[in-house]
Each structure stands twice: as structure tokens, then as C-alpha cells.
């Protein structure tokens, strides 16, 4: 599944990326560019914009997301597209949407806090922005939060 979230769905885009879904998000581009990029890149448009879905090029390529809460929105998208929440969990950069790559522990040296480097064995990085990820308490909290949103 490849998605393009419109400007009203930034938090949903973040949580879809946490689930490992390829989710483009560019909050400053106009609707016509969203429609063009989604078509060109083979993405389904996720939107709350009734004007956007009236466009001929979008009519067959969108999912209208209801609800104001990102929690409700995430449940809707996961249900509608039968996304397995565990399948790609924590495999994309939350910031850039790029797939994360495993890096050697030494490659993380000097790029993560000393305590993290001393206590963690496994690291992943985003090739685009350089952000480094590791298993930490915030990851466990995100998993618990997803469990509360999506169920076990």
C-alpha cells in the first residue's frame, strides 16, 4: 500500500509510517500537485478535503477519512486497507518516509547519546535525513499506544 496524505492528515501520516506504510506527506503543495503525484507514484490519496475528491483525476483514487482524531483515522485506514499493524512496524523513517537500513553499531558511535550507544546493540538509520533509530522506551510506549488504538 502506498498512500499520499493531504495537509489535514499529518498525524495520520506519521502513524502510518510507524506501521511501515509508505505514506507521502507534503503539507504545502496544492491539490492539483497531490493528484498528479499520487497518480504518477501509484499512491492512494487519503483526504478529508471534499473539494479534492471532486476532481476527476481523484475520484477513483482516494479514501475519504472521517473523524477528527488521528486515532479514529488510523483505525479507519488500517481496517479499510487490511493493514497488518505488526508486518512493517518501525521500518520507515517517521520524518522522511524512507525505509530504514540496519547499520553497524560502530556507525552509530558519536551520532547517538553515549548512554544509548553503551546500552543498545542494534541501530537503524534513514539514508535521506541520517536520523538514527534504536529500541528504547519510547518505542515500547508507541507499541502500547498502537495497541490501545488498534486492539491487540
Protein backbone atom coordinates (compact mmCIF):
# COMPACT_ATOMS: atom_id res chain seq x y z
CA UNK A 1 0.00 0.00 0.00
CA UNK A 2 1.28 3.41 -0.94
CA UNK A 3 -0.53 6.48 0.32
CA UNK A 4 -0.46 10.25 -0.06
CA UNK A 5 -1.93 12.04 2.96
CA UNK A 6 -3.22 15.55 2.36
CA UNK A 7 -2.33 18.54 4.53
CA UNK A 8 -5.10 17.80 7.05
CA UNK A 9 -3.70 14.38 7.90
CA UNK A 10 -0.15 14.94 9.12
CA UNK A 11 -0.53 12.99 12.34
CA UNK A 12 -2.17 10.11 10.48
CA UNK A 13 0.76 10.09 8.02
CA UNK A 14 3.20 9.82 10.93
CA UNK A 15 1.39 6.87 12.48
CA UNK A 16 1.05 5.09 9.13
CA UNK A 17 4.81 5.45 8.71
CA UNK A 18 5.28 3.97 12.18
CA UNK A 19 3.28 0.98 10.94
CA UNK A 20 5.64 0.76 7.95
CA UNK A 21 3.24 2.12 5.34
CA UNK A 22 4.79 4.13 2.51
CA UNK A 23 2.98 7.43 3.15
CA UNK A 24 3.91 10.63 1.35
CA UNK A 25 3.01 13.87 3.07
CA UNK A 26 3.73 17.34 1.72
CA UNK A 27 1.51 19.82 3.59
CA UNK A 28 2.33 22.86 1.46
CA UNK A 29 1.62 21.56 -2.05
CA UNK A 30 -1.65 22.38 -3.83
CA UNK A 31 -4.37 19.82 -4.52
CA UNK A 32 -3.56 19.52 -8.23
CA UNK A 33 0.00 18.52 -7.39
CA UNK A 34 -1.22 15.98 -4.83
CA UNK A 35 -3.45 14.46 -7.52
CA UNK A 36 -0.61 14.40 -10.10
CA UNK A 37 1.96 12.94 -7.72
CA UNK A 38 -0.41 10.30 -6.39
CA UNK A 39 -1.22 9.16 -9.92
CA UNK A 40 2.41 9.25 -11.05
CA UNK A 41 3.67 7.41 -7.94
CA UNK A 42 0.80 4.91 -7.70
CA UNK A 43 -0.46 6.22 -4.36
CA UNK A 44 -3.95 6.27 -2.86
CA UNK A 45 -4.90 9.74 -1.65
CA UNK A 46 -6.02 9.92 1.96
CA UNK A 47 -8.02 13.09 2.45
CA UNK A 48 -10.63 14.98 4.40
CA UNK A 49 -10.90 17.60 1.66
CA UNK A 50 -14.26 17.43 -0.12
CA UNK A 51 -13.03 19.76 -2.88
CA UNK A 52 -10.09 17.48 -3.63
CA UNK A 53 -12.27 14.39 -4.08
CA UNK A 54 -14.44 16.22 -6.61
CA UNK A 55 -11.55 16.36 -9.07
CA UNK A 56 -11.97 13.95 -11.96
CA UNK A 57 -8.42 12.59 -11.58
CA UNK A 58 -9.01 11.76 -7.91
CA UNK A 59 -12.49 10.25 -7.99
CA UNK A 60 -11.31 6.64 -8.31
CA UNK A 61 -8.10 7.06 -6.31
CA UNK A 62 -8.92 8.29 -2.84
CA UNK A 63 -10.14 7.29 0.56
CA UNK A 64 -12.17 9.89 2.40
CA UNK A 65 -11.08 9.79 6.04
CA UNK A 66 -13.75 10.61 8.58
CA UNK A 67 -13.25 11.73 12.14
CA UNK A 68 -11.11 14.43 13.68
CA UNK A 69 -8.96 12.19 15.87
CA UNK A 70 -5.88 10.61 14.34
CA UNK A 71 -6.74 7.52 16.40
CA UNK A 72 -10.09 7.13 14.63
CA UNK A 73 -8.47 7.94 11.31
CA UNK A 74 -5.77 5.31 11.80
CA UNK A 75 -8.36 2.68 12.72
CA UNK A 76 -10.32 3.54 9.57
CA UNK A 77 -7.33 3.26 7.23
CA UNK A 78 -5.99 0.08 8.84
CA UNK A 79 -9.43 -1.53 8.60
CA UNK A 80 -10.24 -0.34 5.06
CA UNK A 81 -6.94 -1.48 3.60
CA UNK A 82 -6.49 -4.58 5.82
CA UNK A 83 -3.10 -3.41 7.06
CA UNK A 84 -1.32 -5.80 9.38
CA UNK A 85 -0.04 -3.45 12.11
CA UNK A 86 2.85 -5.76 13.02
CA UNK A 87 4.09 -6.51 9.50
CA UNK A 88 6.19 -3.40 8.94
CA UNK A 89 6.30 -1.82 12.36
CA UNK A 90 9.19 0.66 12.77
CA UNK A 91 10.66 0.06 9.31
CA UNK A 92 10.30 3.62 7.92
CA UNK A 93 11.66 6.98 8.90
CA UNK A 94 8.88 8.90 10.60
CA UNK A 95 10.30 12.16 9.25
CA UNK A 96 11.26 11.24 5.65
CA UNK A 97 9.21 8.12 4.87
CA UNK A 98 12.34 6.30 3.66
CA UNK A 99 12.82 2.63 4.53
CA UNK A 100 15.25 2.28 7.41
CA UNK A 101 18.52 0.45 6.91
CA UNK A 102 20.31 -1.58 9.57
CA UNK A 103 23.67 -0.05 10.43
CA UNK A 104 26.57 -1.41 12.37
CA UNK A 105 26.95 -0.40 15.97
CA UNK A 106 30.19 1.44 15.21
CA UNK A 107 28.38 3.50 12.55
CA UNK A 108 26.16 4.88 15.32
CA UNK A 109 29.12 5.90 17.50
CA UNK A 110 29.14 9.64 18.11
CA UNK A 111 25.72 10.02 16.49
CA UNK A 112 23.64 8.81 19.43
CA UNK A 113 23.88 9.73 23.12
CA UNK A 114 26.69 7.89 24.96
CA UNK A 115 24.23 6.05 27.21
CA UNK A 116 22.30 4.79 24.18
CA UNK A 117 25.50 3.66 22.48
CA UNK A 118 26.56 1.86 25.66
CA UNK A 119 23.27 0.04 26.18
CA UNK A 120 21.97 -0.71 22.68
CA UNK A 121 23.24 -3.28 20.19
CA UNK A 122 21.02 -2.67 17.18
CA UNK A 123 20.62 0.55 15.19
CA UNK A 124 18.80 1.57 12.02
CA UNK A 125 19.23 4.76 10.02
CA UNK A 126 17.46 6.81 7.38
CA UNK A 127 19.63 7.23 4.29
CA UNK A 128 17.91 10.52 3.43
CA UNK A 129 18.00 12.51 6.69
CA UNK A 130 20.52 10.50 8.70
CA UNK A 131 18.21 10.07 11.69
CA UNK A 132 19.17 7.02 13.76
CA UNK A 133 16.66 4.73 15.46
CA UNK A 134 17.06 2.14 18.22
CA UNK A 135 14.82 0.14 20.53
CA UNK A 136 14.06 2.31 23.52
CA UNK A 137 11.32 3.07 25.99
CA UNK A 138 9.60 5.47 23.57
CA UNK A 139 9.28 2.59 21.09
CA UNK A 140 7.64 0.43 23.75
CA UNK A 141 5.26 3.28 24.58
CA UNK A 142 4.38 3.64 20.88
CA UNK A 143 3.61 -0.09 20.71
CA UNK A 144 1.34 0.20 23.76
CA UNK A 145 -0.35 3.25 22.22
CA UNK A 146 -0.95 1.38 18.96
CA UNK A 147 -2.42 -1.49 20.98
CA UNK A 148 -4.86 0.91 22.63
CA UNK A 149 -5.81 2.38 19.23
CA UNK A 150 -5.99 -0.79 17.14
CA UNK A 151 -6.51 -3.50 19.71
CA UNK A 152 -4.22 -6.48 20.37
